[in-house]
Structures are given as C-alpha cells and as structure tokens.
Amino acid sequence: MEAFRSLEALVLHLPMPNTDTDQIVPARFLSRGRSEGFADAFLQGLRFRSDGTPIADNPVDRAKGAGILLAGANFGCGSSREAAVYALQDFGIRAVLAPSFGDIFSGNAAKNGLLCGILPEQDAAELGTALDAAPEPVLRIDLTSCTAMLADGRAFTFGIDPFRRRCLLEGLDELGVTLSLSDLIAAFEQRPPPVPQPAVP
C-alpha cells in the first residue's frame, strides 16, 4: 500500500448528506473485476441520465482531476461494497473529508489507502464556502498534523483513528502491521514454556 503523508490537489465539493455506496458505485457495476477499473462508474447518477446520456456541466466532471473530495455528513453509508472505494480511487480521489462516514465504508477505505478525515460540520461548511468561491479550489492535506489548509493559509483540523493514521503514514495494511511485529512475535514464540505449578491441596 502506498504511504500517505501529504497531498495538495483540486477538490471536488459534494455537500449533500447521506451519499450511500450505491450512489458511489451502482450495483450493476459490481460484477467487474478490480483490474477493469471503476472510474466511469463513480457517481453515475450525477453524471448520466437513466438512458445513458451524459448530464452536461455536472459537478463531478467539472472537477475532473480532483484528488480530494469534500463530502456531506454520513458519506459512504448503506451496503458494504469495497468497490465504492475503488471507484473513488480510480476517479483519482486519494482523500475524503466529511463530518462523518459510514462505518463499513471508512474501514474499507483505510484498508485500501484512502484517507477519511472527519471535520466538524461548521468547519466543513466554512471550507466548502471558501472552495466554492475560489477560482481554483485547491487544498493541502497534511496527515502528520491532521490539517487541511487553504491557499490563503486557513487551516482546519480533521480527526482520524490513530491506528488507521499510522497505517496510512507507513503504507501498511493490517497484514503489513502484523509483519512489522515479526521480531516480537518470534521472540514470544521462543520463550520457554511456563513451569507447571503444583496443585494447591
């Protein structure tokens, strides 16, 4: 897994709450293999009509090239589908900031190297207003300090689970964390067995 320390990128701002995993990647795309890619499936309902024709000037394609998503509360709620994370990543998103996340989604994100940072709702609203007004909506995320900084220097602190933060900073998945402890595991296994204690009469 690629380590994540900092990122400066364009921002896709989608403030609507309760964006579920079926919106992020509709069920009809779930038969795909990982190698086929999911970029075209990302937020299909915002980008295409039911007959498949593109929606002109939609907010997603306007932000083509974005590496950061500023989302509304409860992002990634709904059913468990890891492909929702793949769709974000294949579109180019490496970090999502939101007031809250669906639990299963945030767990899948962490295992695949996608940062999910939690912003207070007031900060998320202020940040969104500033980005919407900017000629170029750019944000710099620093995972070491857990801050998101605008071009004018305003900084917003986001929250993240300490274990997930460590995994992202070091580029480790859960197996990688276990392997990083191999010396301690080997030392534990080489300890002499405990001496049996006599039974107390």
C-alpha atoms as a PDB file:
ATOM      1  CA  MET A   1       0.000   0.000   0.000  1.00  0.00           C
ATOM      2  CA  GLU A   2       1.332   3.449  -0.899  1.00  0.00           C
ATOM      3  CA  ALA A   3       2.134   5.641   2.089  1.00  0.00           C
ATOM      4  CA  PHE A   4       0.104   8.822   2.539  1.00  0.00           C
ATOM      5  CA  ARG A   5       1.760  11.802   4.216  1.00  0.00           C
ATOM      6  CA  SER A   6       0.594  14.911   2.396  1.00  0.00           C
ATOM      7  CA  LEU A   7      -1.417  15.821  -0.672  1.00  0.00           C
ATOM      8  CA  GLU A   8      -2.093  19.072  -2.495  1.00  0.00           C
ATOM      9  CA  ALA A   9      -4.872  18.727  -5.034  1.00  0.00           C
ATOM     10  CA  LEU A  10      -8.032  20.091  -6.584  1.00  0.00           C
ATOM     11  CA  VAL A  11     -11.180  19.472  -4.558  1.00  0.00           C
ATOM     12  CA  LEU A  12     -14.499  18.005  -5.637  1.00  0.00           C
ATOM     13  CA  HIS A  13     -17.128  19.520  -3.312  1.00  0.00           C
ATOM     14  CA  LEU A  14     -20.315  17.478  -2.879  1.00  0.00           C
ATOM     15  CA  PRO A  15     -22.036  18.756   0.278  1.00  0.00           C
ATOM     16  CA  MET A  16     -25.196  16.632   0.142  1.00  0.00           C
ATOM     17  CA  PRO A  17     -25.538  14.301   3.167  1.00  0.00           C
ATOM     18  CA  ASN A  18     -26.089  10.535   3.190  1.00  0.00           C
ATOM     19  CA  THR A  19     -24.345   9.692  -0.084  1.00  0.00           C
ATOM     20  CA  ASP A  20     -24.571   5.915   0.033  1.00  0.00           C
ATOM     21  CA  THR A  21     -22.402   3.254  -1.539  1.00  0.00           C
ATOM     22  CA  ASP A  22     -24.985   2.517  -4.235  1.00  0.00           C
ATOM     23  CA  GLN A  23     -24.691   6.137  -5.374  1.00  0.00           C
ATOM     24  CA  ILE A  24     -20.893   5.986  -5.277  1.00  0.00           C
ATOM     25  CA  VAL A  25     -20.872   2.818  -7.399  1.00  0.00           C
ATOM     26  CA  PRO A  26     -24.211   1.406  -8.617  1.00  0.00           C
ATOM     27  CA  ALA A  27     -24.838  -2.314  -8.116  1.00  0.00           C
ATOM     28  CA  ARG A  28     -24.787  -3.087 -11.852  1.00  0.00           C
ATOM     29  CA  PHE A  29     -21.014  -2.490 -11.889  1.00  0.00           C
ATOM     30  CA  LEU A  30     -20.188  -4.900  -9.059  1.00  0.00           C
ATOM     31  CA  SER A  31     -19.620  -7.878 -11.366  1.00  0.00           C
ATOM     32  CA  ARG A  32     -16.442  -6.199 -12.640  1.00  0.00           C
ATOM     33  CA  GLY A  33     -13.034  -7.396 -11.581  1.00  0.00           C
ATOM     34  CA  ARG A  34     -10.697  -4.951  -9.865  1.00  0.00           C
ATOM     35  CA  SER A  35      -8.421  -4.753 -12.904  1.00  0.00           C
ATOM     36  CA  GLU A  36     -11.275  -3.493 -15.112  1.00  0.00           C
ATOM     37  CA  GLY A  37     -11.469  -0.195 -13.223  1.00  0.00           C
ATOM     38  CA  PHE A  38     -14.416   1.718 -11.789  1.00  0.00           C
ATOM     39  CA  ALA A  39     -13.698   5.341 -12.755  1.00  0.00           C
ATOM     40  CA  ASP A  40     -16.611   5.501 -15.203  1.00  0.00           C
ATOM     41  CA  ALA A  41     -18.965   4.033 -12.576  1.00  0.00           C
ATOM     42  CA  PHE A  42     -18.169   6.703  -9.977  1.00  0.00           C
ATOM     43  CA  LEU A  43     -21.317   8.680  -9.048  1.00  0.00           C
ATOM     44  CA  GLN A  44     -23.102   7.640 -12.246  1.00  0.00           C
ATOM     45  CA  GLY A  45     -26.386   9.176 -11.108  1.00  0.00           C
ATOM     46  CA  LEU A  46     -24.841  12.650 -11.019  1.00  0.00           C
ATOM     47  CA  ARG A  47     -23.079  12.240 -14.349  1.00  0.00           C
ATOM     48  CA  PHE A  48     -25.536  10.383 -16.585  1.00  0.00           C
ATOM     49  CA  ARG A  49     -29.282  10.218 -17.171  1.00  0.00           C
ATOM     50  CA  SER A  50     -31.147   6.911 -16.946  1.00  0.00           C
ATOM     51  CA  ASP A  51     -30.829   6.485 -20.742  1.00  0.00           C
ATOM     52  CA  GLY A  52     -27.036   6.758 -20.502  1.00  0.00           C
ATOM     53  CA  THR A  53     -26.660  10.234 -21.977  1.00  0.00           C
ATOM     54  CA  PRO A  54     -24.251  12.499 -20.084  1.00  0.00           C
ATOM     55  CA  ILE A  55     -25.539  15.333 -17.913  1.00  0.00           C
ATOM     56  CA  ALA A  56     -23.835  18.489 -19.146  1.00  0.00           C
ATOM     57  CA  ASP A  57     -21.780  20.530 -16.685  1.00  0.00           C
ATOM     58  CA  ASN A  58     -22.350  18.135 -13.790  1.00  0.00           C
ATOM     59  CA  PRO A  59     -20.358  18.819 -10.593  1.00  0.00           C
ATOM     60  CA  VAL A  60     -18.344  15.600 -10.767  1.00  0.00           C
ATOM     61  CA  ASP A  61     -16.959  16.007 -14.272  1.00  0.00           C
ATOM     62  CA  ARG A  62     -16.393  19.726 -13.682  1.00  0.00           C
ATOM     63  CA  ALA A  63     -13.888  18.616 -11.049  1.00  0.00           C
ATOM     64  CA  LYS A  64     -12.047  16.181 -13.330  1.00  0.00           C
ATOM     65  CA  GLY A  65      -8.557  15.728 -11.976  1.00  0.00           C
ATOM     66  CA  ALA A  66      -9.602  16.279  -8.364  1.00  0.00           C
ATOM     67  CA  GLY A  67      -7.642  14.344  -5.761  1.00  0.00           C
ATOM     68  CA  ILE A  68      -9.694  15.333  -2.712  1.00  0.00           C
ATOM     69  CA  LEU A  69     -13.426  15.020  -2.039  1.00  0.00           C
ATOM     70  CA  LEU A  70     -15.155  17.297   0.467  1.00  0.00           C
ATOM     71  CA  ALA A  71     -18.404  15.475   1.192  1.00  0.00           C
ATOM     72  CA  GLY A  72     -21.508  15.823   3.334  1.00  0.00           C
ATOM     73  CA  ALA A  73     -22.280  14.006   6.564  1.00  0.00           C
ATOM     74  CA  ASN A  74     -22.619  10.209   6.670  1.00  0.00           C
ATOM     75  CA  PHE A  75     -20.690   9.712   3.443  1.00  0.00           C
ATOM     76  CA  GLY A  76     -20.464   6.083   2.347  1.00  0.00           C
ATOM     77  CA  CYS A  77     -23.476   4.863   4.317  1.00  0.00           C
ATOM     78  CA  GLY A  78     -25.549   1.912   3.122  1.00  0.00           C
ATOM     79  CA  SER A  79     -24.496  -1.538   1.988  1.00  0.00           C
ATOM     80  CA  SER A  80     -20.994  -2.917   2.268  1.00  0.00           C
ATOM     81  CA  ARG A  81     -19.202  -2.777  -1.073  1.00  0.00           C
ATOM     82  CA  GLU A  82     -15.470  -2.316  -1.361  1.00  0.00           C
ATOM     83  CA  ALA A  83     -15.954  -1.243  -4.975  1.00  0.00           C
ATOM     84  CA  ALA A  84     -17.146   2.133  -3.651  1.00  0.00           C
ATOM     85  CA  VAL A  85     -13.580   2.759  -2.506  1.00  0.00           C
ATOM     86  CA  TYR A  86     -12.218   1.509  -5.840  1.00  0.00           C
ATOM     87  CA  ALA A  87     -14.490   3.921  -7.731  1.00  0.00           C
ATOM     88  CA  LEU A  88     -13.204   6.895  -5.741  1.00  0.00           C
ATOM     89  CA  GLN A  89      -9.590   5.873  -6.200  1.00  0.00           C
ATOM     90  CA  ASP A  90      -9.939   5.099  -9.894  1.00  0.00           C
ATOM     91  CA  PHE A  91     -11.510   8.523 -10.427  1.00  0.00           C
ATOM     92  CA  GLY A  92      -8.392   9.982  -8.784  1.00  0.00           C
ATOM     93  CA  ILE A  93      -9.579  10.681  -5.224  1.00  0.00           C
ATOM     94  CA  ARG A  94      -6.973   9.940  -2.541  1.00  0.00           C
ATOM     95  CA  ALA A  95      -8.641  11.642   0.422  1.00  0.00           C
ATOM     96  CA  VAL A  96     -12.219  12.300   1.574  1.00  0.00           C
ATOM     97  CA  LEU A  97     -13.104  14.881   4.217  1.00  0.00           C
ATOM     98  CA  ALA A  98     -16.593  14.841   5.734  1.00  0.00           C
ATOM     99  CA  PRO A  99     -18.375  15.403   9.061  1.00  0.00           C
ATOM    100  CA  SER A 100     -18.986  11.643   9.371  1.00  0.00           C
ATOM    101  CA  PHE A 101     -18.691   8.381   7.444  1.00  0.00           C
ATOM    102  CA  GLY A 102     -20.442   5.049   7.168  1.00  0.00           C
ATOM    103  CA  ASP A 103     -18.531   2.632   9.425  1.00  0.00           C
ATOM    104  CA  ILE A 104     -18.018  -0.155   6.889  1.00  0.00           C
ATOM    105  CA  PHE A 105     -17.030   2.301   4.168  1.00  0.00           C
ATOM    106  CA  SER A 106     -14.387   4.004   6.337  1.00  0.00           C
ATOM    107  CA  GLY A 107     -12.977   0.598   7.266  1.00  0.00           C
ATOM    108  CA  ASN A 108     -12.747  -0.449   3.606  1.00  0.00           C
ATOM    109  CA  ALA A 109     -11.160   2.905   2.776  1.00  0.00           C
ATOM    110  CA  ALA A 110      -8.435   2.512   5.389  1.00  0.00           C
ATOM    111  CA  LYS A 111      -7.568  -0.990   4.144  1.00  0.00           C
ATOM    112  CA  ASN A 112      -7.103   0.362   0.608  1.00  0.00           C
ATOM    113  CA  GLY A 113      -5.098   3.505   1.418  1.00  0.00           C
ATOM    114  CA  LEU A 114      -7.916   6.054   1.048  1.00  0.00           C
ATOM    115  CA  LEU A 115      -7.825   8.739   3.754  1.00  0.00           C
ATOM    116  CA  CYS A 116     -11.133   9.517   5.502  1.00  0.00           C
ATOM    117  CA  GLY A 117     -10.772  12.602   7.690  1.00  0.00           C
ATOM    118  CA  ILE A 118     -13.577  13.802   9.971  1.00  0.00           C
ATOM    119  CA  LEU A 119     -14.244  17.549  10.037  1.00  0.00           C
ATOM    120  CA  PRO A 120     -16.652  19.314  12.411  1.00  0.00           C
ATOM    121  CA  GLU A 121     -19.773  20.305  10.464  1.00  0.00           C
ATOM    122  CA  GLN A 122     -19.110  24.039  10.904  1.00  0.00           C
ATOM    123  CA  ASP A 123     -15.560  23.645   9.591  1.00  0.00           C
ATOM    124  CA  ALA A 124     -16.758  21.554   6.657  1.00  0.00           C
ATOM    125  CA  ALA A 125     -19.298  24.254   5.757  1.00  0.00           C
ATOM    126  CA  GLU A 126     -16.713  27.048   6.037  1.00  0.00           C
ATOM    127  CA  LEU A 127     -14.217  25.095   3.989  1.00  0.00           C
ATOM    128  CA  GLY A 128     -16.828  24.345   1.326  1.00  0.00           C
ATOM    129  CA  THR A 129     -17.826  28.002   1.056  1.00  0.00           C
ATOM    130  CA  ALA A 130     -14.206  29.036   0.622  1.00  0.00           C
ATOM    131  CA  LEU A 131     -13.548  26.382  -2.020  1.00  0.00           C
ATOM    132  CA  ASP A 132     -16.706  27.231  -3.960  1.00  0.00           C
ATOM    133  CA  ALA A 133     -15.612  30.875  -4.110  1.00  0.00           C
ATOM    134  CA  ALA A 134     -12.021  30.134  -5.107  1.00  0.00           C
ATOM    135  CA  PRO A 135     -11.014  30.411  -8.786  1.00  0.00           C
ATOM    136  CA  GLU A 136      -9.077  27.175  -8.304  1.00  0.00           C
ATOM    137  CA  PRO A 137     -10.350  25.025  -5.403  1.00  0.00           C
ATOM    138  CA  VAL A 138      -7.080  23.622  -4.091  1.00  0.00           C
ATOM    139  CA  LEU A 139      -6.469  22.143  -0.657  1.00  0.00           C
ATOM    140  CA  ARG A 140      -3.346  20.803   1.027  1.00  0.00           C
ATOM    141  CA  ILE A 141      -3.771  17.890   3.412  1.00  0.00           C
ATOM    142  CA  ASP A 142      -1.032  17.028   5.897  1.00  0.00           C
ATOM    143  CA  LEU A 143      -1.646  13.733   7.675  1.00  0.00           C
ATOM    144  CA  THR A 144       1.239  14.266  10.101  1.00  0.00           C
ATOM    145  CA  SER A 145      -0.509  17.279  11.635  1.00  0.00           C
ATOM    146  CA  CYS A 146      -4.043  16.189  10.584  1.00  0.00           C
ATOM    147  CA  THR A 147      -4.707  19.539   8.929  1.00  0.00           C
ATOM    148  CA  ALA A 148      -6.335  20.677   5.689  1.00  0.00           C
ATOM    149  CA  MET A 149      -5.031  24.067   4.521  1.00  0.00           C
ATOM    150  CA  LEU A 150      -6.456  26.510   2.009  1.00  0.00           C
ATOM    151  CA  ALA A 151      -4.284  28.615  -0.279  1.00  0.00           C
ATOM    152  CA  ASP A 152      -4.889  31.655   1.953  1.00  0.00           C
ATOM    153  CA  GLY A 153      -3.351  29.846   4.928  1.00  0.00           C
ATOM    154  CA  ARG A 154      -6.535  28.957   6.796  1.00  0.00           C
ATOM    155  CA  ALA A 155      -6.118  25.524   8.361  1.00  0.00           C
ATOM    156  CA  PHE A 156      -8.755  23.044   9.544  1.00  0.00           C
ATOM    157  CA  THR A 157      -8.003  20.117  11.829  1.00  0.00           C
ATOM    158  CA  PHE A 158      -9.570  16.766  10.987  1.00  0.00           C
ATOM    159  CA  GLY A 159      -9.891  13.615  13.064  1.00  0.00           C
ATOM    160  CA  ILE A 160      -8.809  10.097  12.183  1.00  0.00           C
ATOM    161  CA  ASP A 161      -8.469   6.850  14.105  1.00  0.00           C
ATOM    162  CA  PRO A 162      -4.836   6.616  15.371  1.00  0.00           C
ATOM    163  CA  PHE A 163      -4.324   3.078  14.059  1.00  0.00           C
ATOM    164  CA  ARG A 164      -5.624   3.988  10.599  1.00  0.00           C
ATOM    165  CA  ARG A 165      -3.469   7.121  10.612  1.00  0.00           C
ATOM    166  CA  ARG A 166      -0.387   5.032  11.385  1.00  0.00           C
ATOM    167  CA  CYS A 167      -1.217   2.551   8.615  1.00  0.00           C
ATOM    168  CA  LEU A 168      -1.605   5.355   6.074  1.00  0.00           C
ATOM    169  CA  LEU A 169       1.567   7.158   7.136  1.00  0.00           C
ATOM    170  CA  GLU A 170       3.613   3.962   6.954  1.00  0.00           C
ATOM    171  CA  GLY A 171       1.872   2.478   3.918  1.00  0.00           C
ATOM    172  CA  LEU A 172       0.777  -0.626   5.819  1.00  0.00           C
ATOM    173  CA  ASP A 173      -2.356  -2.719   5.623  1.00  0.00           C
ATOM    174  CA  GLU A 174      -3.367  -4.928   8.567  1.00  0.00           C
ATOM    175  CA  LEU A 175      -1.153  -7.783   7.356  1.00  0.00           C
ATOM    176  CA  GLY A 176       1.736  -5.360   6.968  1.00  0.00           C
ATOM    177  CA  VAL A 177       1.307  -4.216  10.574  1.00  0.00           C
ATOM    178  CA  THR A 178       1.449  -7.836  11.735  1.00  0.00           C
ATOM    179  CA  LEU A 179       4.589  -8.489   9.670  1.00  0.00           C
ATOM    180  CA  SER A 180       6.227  -5.371  11.124  1.00  0.00           C
ATOM    181  CA  LEU A 181       5.983  -7.085  14.523  1.00  0.00           C
ATOM    182  CA  SER A 182       7.658 -10.296  13.328  1.00  0.00           C
ATOM    183  CA  ASP A 183      10.692  -9.877  15.648  1.00  0.00           C
ATOM    184  CA  LEU A 184       8.444  -9.522  18.701  1.00  0.00           C
ATOM    185  CA  ILE A 185       6.326 -12.471  17.581  1.00  0.00           C
ATOM    186  CA  ALA A 186       9.447 -14.633  17.081  1.00  0.00           C
ATOM    187  CA  ALA A 187      10.809 -13.634  20.498  1.00  0.00           C
ATOM    188  CA  PHE A 188       7.492 -14.524  22.129  1.00  0.00           C
ATOM    189  CA  GLU A 189       7.440 -17.918  20.441  1.00  0.00           C
ATOM    190  CA  GLN A 190      10.981 -18.662  21.668  1.00  0.00           C
ATOM    191  CA  ARG A 191      10.140 -18.014  25.304  1.00  0.00           C
ATOM    192  CA  PRO A 192      10.468 -21.134  27.468  1.00  0.00           C
ATOM    193  CA  PRO A 193       7.179 -22.740  28.385  1.00  0.00           C
ATOM    194  CA  PRO A 194       5.838 -21.830  31.809  1.00  0.00           C
ATOM    195  CA  VAL A 195       6.830 -24.117  34.671  1.00  0.00           C
ATOM    196  CA  PRO A 196       3.807 -26.101  35.870  1.00  0.00           C
ATOM    197  CA  GLN A 197       2.765 -25.105  39.344  1.00  0.00           C
ATOM    198  CA  PRO A 198       1.848 -27.775  41.900  1.00  0.00           C
ATOM    199  CA  ALA A 199      -1.803 -28.051  42.617  1.00  0.00           C
ATOM    200  CA  VAL A 200      -2.903 -26.429  45.830  1.00  0.00           C
ATOM    201  CA  PRO A 201      -4.402 -29.077  48.126  1.00  0.00           C
END
